[in-house]
Amino acid sequence: MTTFTTAESPFKRDSSPSNKCGVTLMNNQVGAVVAEVMGTKPDVTVTPLPSMIRLDAVGRMDFDYDELSEALGEEEGFFDAATFEENMSTHYGRMIHLDDRTIMFANPEDAAEYIGFDLTAN
C-alpha cells in the first residue's frame, strides 16, 4: 500500500512577531511619488500592483511631509496627515501622526513614548 503525505502549507498560522509595518497606497500620481521617495529609504520594500502600491518596512517607516511635498513639486506644507490618509487605503503596525510626519512602527512598544503608554509593570 502506498502512503501519501501532504506538504506543509506555506500559509500556515504563525503568530511570531514579523518586525514589519506597512501601508497600501492608491496607485495614482501622489501614491507613485510617495512610493518613489520611500523606496530610497533603508529597509523599505515597494511592491507596485495594478491598482495599489504596497510599502513594507522593517522596524519603522517615517513619511516626512516636507520631503514628500518637495518631491511632489508643491510648496512646503502641502503634504500632511490628511493627504496621507486620502492616498492610503490600509496599514499594519502602529501609526502615529505628528505635525511634520507620519511614523509607522512594527512593534507597539516602540511607539509608547508617542502615545503616552507606560511600559513599566506595576
N, C-alpha and C. Protein backbone atom coordinates (compact mmCIF):
# COMPACT_ATOMS: atom_id res chain seq x y z
N MET A 1 0.84 -1.17 0.00
CA MET A 1 0.00 0.00 0.00
C MET A 1 0.89 1.24 0.00
N THR A 2 0.53 2.26 -0.81
CA THR A 2 1.28 3.50 -0.92
C THR A 2 0.74 4.51 0.08
N THR A 3 1.65 5.17 0.78
CA THR A 3 1.26 6.18 1.74
C THR A 3 1.60 7.55 1.18
N PHE A 4 0.62 8.45 1.24
CA PHE A 4 0.83 9.80 0.75
C PHE A 4 0.88 10.76 1.94
N THR A 5 1.73 11.74 1.84
CA THR A 5 1.77 12.78 2.87
C THR A 5 1.53 14.13 2.19
N THR A 6 0.96 15.01 2.94
CA THR A 6 0.68 16.35 2.42
C THR A 6 1.82 17.28 2.82
N ALA A 7 2.27 18.07 1.87
CA ALA A 7 3.34 19.03 2.15
C ALA A 7 2.84 20.08 3.13
N GLU A 8 3.73 20.58 3.96
CA GLU A 8 3.37 21.63 4.90
C GLU A 8 3.02 22.90 4.14
N SER A 9 1.92 23.51 4.52
CA SER A 9 1.44 24.71 3.83
C SER A 9 2.34 25.90 4.11
N PRO A 10 2.68 26.68 3.07
CA PRO A 10 3.44 27.90 3.31
C PRO A 10 2.57 28.98 3.95
N PHE A 11 1.27 28.73 4.04
CA PHE A 11 0.33 29.70 4.60
C PHE A 11 -0.13 29.32 6.01
N LYS A 12 0.64 28.46 6.65
CA LYS A 12 0.27 28.03 8.00
C LYS A 12 0.29 29.22 8.96
N ARG A 13 -0.42 29.08 10.05
CA ARG A 13 -0.51 30.12 11.08
C ARG A 13 0.84 30.31 11.74
N ASP A 14 1.23 31.58 11.87
CA ASP A 14 2.48 31.92 12.54
C ASP A 14 2.24 33.20 13.31
N SER A 15 2.18 33.12 14.62
CA SER A 15 1.89 34.30 15.42
C SER A 15 3.14 34.97 15.97
N SER A 16 4.30 34.58 15.46
CA SER A 16 5.52 35.24 15.92
C SER A 16 5.60 36.65 15.31
N PRO A 17 6.20 37.60 16.03
CA PRO A 17 6.30 38.97 15.50
C PRO A 17 7.11 39.01 14.21
N SER A 18 6.64 39.81 13.27
CA SER A 18 7.33 39.93 11.98
C SER A 18 8.35 41.05 11.97
N ASN A 19 8.24 42.00 12.92
CA ASN A 19 9.05 43.20 12.96
C ASN A 19 8.88 44.02 11.67
N LYS A 20 7.68 43.98 11.12
CA LYS A 20 7.37 44.74 9.90
C LYS A 20 6.14 45.61 10.11
N CYS A 21 6.08 46.67 9.33
CA CYS A 21 4.92 47.54 9.27
C CYS A 21 4.75 47.95 7.82
N GLY A 22 3.58 48.48 7.49
CA GLY A 22 3.41 48.86 6.10
C GLY A 22 2.10 49.56 5.82
N VAL A 23 2.01 50.07 4.61
CA VAL A 23 0.81 50.75 4.13
C VAL A 23 0.54 50.33 2.69
N THR A 24 -0.72 50.47 2.31
CA THR A 24 -1.12 50.29 0.92
C THR A 24 -1.60 51.65 0.43
N LEU A 25 -0.98 52.13 -0.65
CA LEU A 25 -1.32 53.43 -1.22
C LEU A 25 -2.09 53.25 -2.52
N MET A 26 -2.89 54.25 -2.85
CA MET A 26 -3.55 54.24 -4.16
C MET A 26 -2.46 54.39 -5.23
N ASN A 27 -2.65 53.73 -6.35
CA ASN A 27 -1.70 53.84 -7.46
C ASN A 27 -2.13 55.02 -8.34
N ASN A 28 -1.90 56.21 -7.82
CA ASN A 28 -2.18 57.44 -8.54
C ASN A 28 -0.92 58.30 -8.54
N GLN A 29 -1.02 59.55 -8.96
CA GLN A 29 0.16 60.40 -9.05
C GLN A 29 0.82 60.60 -7.68
N VAL A 30 0.02 60.87 -6.66
CA VAL A 30 0.58 61.10 -5.32
C VAL A 30 1.17 59.81 -4.77
N GLY A 31 0.42 58.72 -4.86
CA GLY A 31 0.91 57.44 -4.36
C GLY A 31 2.20 57.01 -5.02
N ALA A 32 2.32 57.24 -6.33
CA ALA A 32 3.53 56.85 -7.06
C ALA A 32 4.74 57.66 -6.58
N VAL A 33 4.55 58.95 -6.33
CA VAL A 33 5.66 59.78 -5.85
C VAL A 33 6.05 59.38 -4.43
N VAL A 34 5.07 59.16 -3.58
CA VAL A 34 5.36 58.72 -2.20
C VAL A 34 6.13 57.41 -2.23
N ALA A 35 5.71 56.48 -3.06
CA ALA A 35 6.41 55.19 -3.17
C ALA A 35 7.83 55.38 -3.69
N GLU A 36 8.01 56.27 -4.65
CA GLU A 36 9.34 56.53 -5.19
C GLU A 36 10.27 57.07 -4.09
N VAL A 37 9.79 58.01 -3.30
CA VAL A 37 10.59 58.58 -2.21
C VAL A 37 10.87 57.52 -1.15
N MET A 38 9.86 56.79 -0.74
CA MET A 38 10.03 55.81 0.33
C MET A 38 10.89 54.64 -0.11
N GLY A 39 10.91 54.36 -1.39
CA GLY A 39 11.75 53.28 -1.91
C GLY A 39 13.24 53.55 -1.76
N THR A 40 13.60 54.81 -1.51
CA THR A 40 15.02 55.15 -1.30
C THR A 40 15.45 54.97 0.15
N LYS A 41 14.49 54.69 1.03
CA LYS A 41 14.78 54.55 2.46
C LYS A 41 15.29 53.14 2.77
N PRO A 42 16.17 53.04 3.76
CA PRO A 42 16.65 51.71 4.13
C PRO A 42 15.51 50.85 4.70
N ASP A 43 15.54 49.58 4.41
CA ASP A 43 14.60 48.59 4.93
C ASP A 43 13.16 48.79 4.48
N VAL A 44 12.94 49.54 3.39
CA VAL A 44 11.59 49.72 2.85
C VAL A 44 11.52 48.99 1.51
N THR A 45 10.48 48.18 1.35
CA THR A 45 10.24 47.45 0.10
C THR A 45 9.00 48.00 -0.56
N VAL A 46 9.10 48.33 -1.83
CA VAL A 46 7.97 48.84 -2.60
C VAL A 46 7.50 47.75 -3.55
N THR A 47 6.20 47.45 -3.53
CA THR A 47 5.62 46.46 -4.42
C THR A 47 4.50 47.12 -5.21
N PRO A 48 4.77 47.50 -6.48
CA PRO A 48 3.70 48.09 -7.29
C PRO A 48 2.74 47.00 -7.77
N LEU A 49 1.46 47.28 -7.64
CA LEU A 49 0.41 46.37 -8.10
C LEU A 49 -0.49 47.17 -9.03
N PRO A 50 -1.38 46.52 -9.79
CA PRO A 50 -2.18 47.26 -10.77
C PRO A 50 -2.97 48.44 -10.20
N SER A 51 -3.61 48.27 -9.06
CA SER A 51 -4.44 49.36 -8.55
C SER A 51 -3.96 49.93 -7.22
N MET A 52 -2.83 49.44 -6.74
CA MET A 52 -2.31 49.93 -5.46
C MET A 52 -0.80 49.75 -5.42
N ILE A 53 -0.19 50.38 -4.44
CA ILE A 53 1.25 50.25 -4.22
C ILE A 53 1.43 49.88 -2.75
N ARG A 54 2.13 48.81 -2.52
CA ARG A 54 2.35 48.35 -1.15
C ARG A 54 3.74 48.76 -0.70
N LEU A 55 3.82 49.33 0.50
CA LEU A 55 5.10 49.69 1.12
C LEU A 55 5.23 48.90 2.41
N ASP A 56 6.28 48.12 2.54
CA ASP A 56 6.54 47.35 3.74
C ASP A 56 7.91 47.75 4.27
N ALA A 57 8.03 47.83 5.59
CA ALA A 57 9.31 48.23 6.19
C ALA A 57 9.62 47.34 7.38
N VAL A 58 10.90 47.22 7.65
CA VAL A 58 11.36 46.52 8.83
C VAL A 58 11.53 47.55 9.94
N GLY A 59 10.87 47.33 11.06
CA GLY A 59 11.03 48.19 12.23
C GLY A 59 10.21 49.45 12.24
N ARG A 60 10.56 50.40 11.40
CA ARG A 60 9.93 51.73 11.43
C ARG A 60 10.01 52.36 10.04
N MET A 61 8.99 53.17 9.72
CA MET A 61 8.97 53.87 8.45
C MET A 61 8.43 55.28 8.71
N ASP A 62 9.20 56.31 8.31
CA ASP A 62 8.83 57.71 8.51
C ASP A 62 8.45 58.36 7.19
N PHE A 63 7.27 58.96 7.15
CA PHE A 63 6.82 59.72 5.99
C PHE A 63 6.99 61.20 6.33
N ASP A 64 8.08 61.80 5.87
CA ASP A 64 8.39 63.21 6.16
C ASP A 64 7.60 64.09 5.21
N TYR A 65 6.69 64.89 5.76
CA TYR A 65 5.77 65.68 4.93
C TYR A 65 6.48 66.69 4.04
N ASP A 66 7.50 67.38 4.55
CA ASP A 66 8.20 68.37 3.72
C ASP A 66 8.95 67.70 2.58
N GLU A 67 9.57 66.56 2.85
CA GLU A 67 10.27 65.81 1.81
C GLU A 67 9.29 65.37 0.73
N LEU A 68 8.11 64.91 1.13
CA LEU A 68 7.12 64.46 0.16
C LEU A 68 6.50 65.63 -0.60
N SER A 69 6.28 66.77 0.07
CA SER A 69 5.78 67.97 -0.63
C SER A 69 6.75 68.39 -1.73
N GLU A 70 8.04 68.40 -1.38
CA GLU A 70 9.07 68.79 -2.36
C GLU A 70 9.10 67.83 -3.54
N ALA A 71 9.03 66.52 -3.26
CA ALA A 71 9.06 65.52 -4.33
C ALA A 71 7.84 65.64 -5.24
N LEU A 72 6.73 66.11 -4.68
CA LEU A 72 5.51 66.31 -5.48
C LEU A 72 5.53 67.63 -6.25
N GLY A 73 6.57 68.43 -6.02
CA GLY A 73 6.68 69.72 -6.70
C GLY A 73 5.76 70.76 -6.10
N GLU A 74 5.42 70.60 -4.83
CA GLU A 74 4.50 71.51 -4.16
C GLU A 74 5.22 72.31 -3.08
N GLU A 75 4.54 73.32 -2.58
CA GLU A 75 5.08 74.15 -1.51
C GLU A 75 5.18 73.33 -0.21
N GLU A 76 6.10 73.75 0.65
CA GLU A 76 6.22 73.14 1.97
C GLU A 76 4.86 73.22 2.67
N GLY A 77 4.46 72.13 3.30
CA GLY A 77 3.17 72.10 3.98
C GLY A 77 2.04 71.53 3.15
N PHE A 78 2.27 71.28 1.86
CA PHE A 78 1.21 70.70 1.02
C PHE A 78 0.83 69.31 1.49
N PHE A 79 1.85 68.47 1.66
CA PHE A 79 1.59 67.09 2.09
C PHE A 79 1.44 67.09 3.60
N ASP A 80 0.32 66.53 4.07
CA ASP A 80 0.07 66.48 5.51
C ASP A 80 -0.65 65.18 5.84
N ALA A 81 -1.09 65.04 7.09
CA ALA A 81 -1.76 63.81 7.52
C ALA A 81 -3.02 63.54 6.70
N ALA A 82 -3.75 64.59 6.35
CA ALA A 82 -4.98 64.42 5.57
C ALA A 82 -4.66 63.89 4.17
N THR A 83 -3.62 64.43 3.54
CA THR A 83 -3.22 63.95 2.22
C THR A 83 -2.75 62.50 2.30
N PHE A 84 -2.00 62.20 3.35
CA PHE A 84 -1.55 60.83 3.57
C PHE A 84 -2.75 59.89 3.68
N GLU A 85 -3.71 60.24 4.51
CA GLU A 85 -4.89 59.40 4.72
C GLU A 85 -5.72 59.26 3.45
N GLU A 86 -5.81 60.32 2.64
CA GLU A 86 -6.57 60.26 1.38
C GLU A 86 -5.98 59.25 0.41
N ASN A 87 -4.67 59.08 0.45
CA ASN A 87 -3.99 58.21 -0.52
C ASN A 87 -3.66 56.83 0.02
N MET A 88 -3.93 56.60 1.30
CA MET A 88 -3.66 55.31 1.92
C MET A 88 -4.97 54.56 2.07
N SER A 89 -4.96 53.27 1.73
CA SER A 89 -6.20 52.51 1.91
C SER A 89 -6.15 51.62 3.15
N THR A 90 -4.99 51.14 3.52
CA THR A 90 -4.88 50.29 4.70
C THR A 90 -3.46 50.34 5.24
N HIS A 91 -3.29 49.89 6.46
CA HIS A 91 -1.96 49.83 7.05
C HIS A 91 -1.90 48.72 8.09
N TYR A 92 -0.68 48.32 8.43
CA TYR A 92 -0.50 47.43 9.57
C TYR A 92 0.68 47.95 10.37
N GLY A 93 0.62 47.75 11.67
CA GLY A 93 1.59 48.34 12.58
C GLY A 93 0.95 49.55 13.25
N ARG A 94 1.65 50.12 14.18
CA ARG A 94 1.14 51.30 14.90
C ARG A 94 1.44 52.55 14.09
N MET A 95 0.41 53.36 13.82
CA MET A 95 0.58 54.59 13.04
C MET A 95 0.45 55.80 13.96
N ILE A 96 1.43 56.69 13.91
CA ILE A 96 1.42 57.91 14.70
C ILE A 96 1.51 59.10 13.74
N HIS A 97 0.53 60.00 13.82
CA HIS A 97 0.57 61.24 13.04
C HIS A 97 1.15 62.35 13.91
N LEU A 98 2.19 62.99 13.44
CA LEU A 98 2.76 64.16 14.09
C LEU A 98 2.53 65.36 13.16
N ASP A 99 2.91 66.55 13.60
CA ASP A 99 2.72 67.73 12.76
C ASP A 99 3.53 67.67 11.47
N ASP A 100 4.73 67.07 11.53
CA ASP A 100 5.63 67.10 10.38
C ASP A 100 5.84 65.75 9.71
N ARG A 101 5.21 64.69 10.22
CA ARG A 101 5.43 63.37 9.66
C ARG A 101 4.41 62.36 10.18
N THR A 102 4.31 61.25 9.47
CA THR A 102 3.59 60.08 9.95
C THR A 102 4.64 59.00 10.14
N ILE A 103 4.57 58.32 11.27
CA ILE A 103 5.53 57.25 11.57
C ILE A 103 4.76 55.95 11.72
N MET A 104 5.26 54.92 11.06
CA MET A 104 4.72 53.57 11.22
C MET A 104 5.72 52.76 12.04
N PHE A 105 5.23 52.07 13.06
CA PHE A 105 6.06 51.22 13.91
C PHE A 105 5.63 49.78 13.76
N ALA A 106 6.59 48.87 13.66
CA ALA A 106 6.28 47.45 13.60
C ALA A 106 5.81 46.94 14.96
N ASN A 107 6.41 47.45 16.02
CA ASN A 107 6.11 46.99 17.37
C ASN A 107 5.47 48.11 18.17
N PRO A 108 4.29 47.87 18.74
CA PRO A 108 3.60 48.91 19.50
C PRO A 108 4.46 49.50 20.63
N GLU A 109 5.31 48.69 21.23
CA GLU A 109 6.16 49.18 22.32
C GLU A 109 7.08 50.30 21.85
N ASP A 110 7.48 50.27 20.60
CA ASP A 110 8.36 51.31 20.06
C ASP A 110 7.64 52.66 19.94
N ALA A 111 6.31 52.63 19.90
CA ALA A 111 5.52 53.85 19.79
C ALA A 111 5.08 54.38 21.15
N ALA A 112 5.45 53.70 22.22
CA ALA A 112 4.97 54.03 23.56
C ALA A 112 5.19 55.49 23.94
N GLU A 113 6.38 56.03 23.64
CA GLU A 113 6.66 57.42 24.04
C GLU A 113 5.76 58.42 23.30
N TYR A 114 5.31 58.07 22.09
CA TYR A 114 4.46 58.97 21.32
C TYR A 114 3.01 58.94 21.76
N ILE A 115 2.58 57.83 22.32
CA ILE A 115 1.17 57.70 22.71
C ILE A 115 0.98 57.78 24.23
N GLY A 116 2.06 58.02 24.95
CA GLY A 116 1.96 58.18 26.39
C GLY A 116 1.70 56.89 27.13
N PHE A 117 2.17 55.80 26.59
CA PHE A 117 1.97 54.49 27.20
C PHE A 117 3.16 54.16 28.09
N ASP A 118 2.90 53.81 29.33
CA ASP A 118 3.96 53.48 30.29
C ASP A 118 4.27 51.99 30.20
N LEU A 119 5.51 51.66 29.84
CA LEU A 119 5.90 50.27 29.65
C LEU A 119 6.34 49.58 30.96
N THR A 120 6.40 50.32 32.05
CA THR A 120 6.83 49.70 33.30
C THR A 120 5.68 48.92 33.93
N ALA A 121 6.00 47.75 34.47
CA ALA A 121 4.99 46.92 35.12
C ALA A 121 4.68 47.48 36.50
N ASN A 122 3.44 47.42 36.87
CA ASN A 122 3.02 47.88 38.20
C ASN A 122 2.98 46.75 39.18
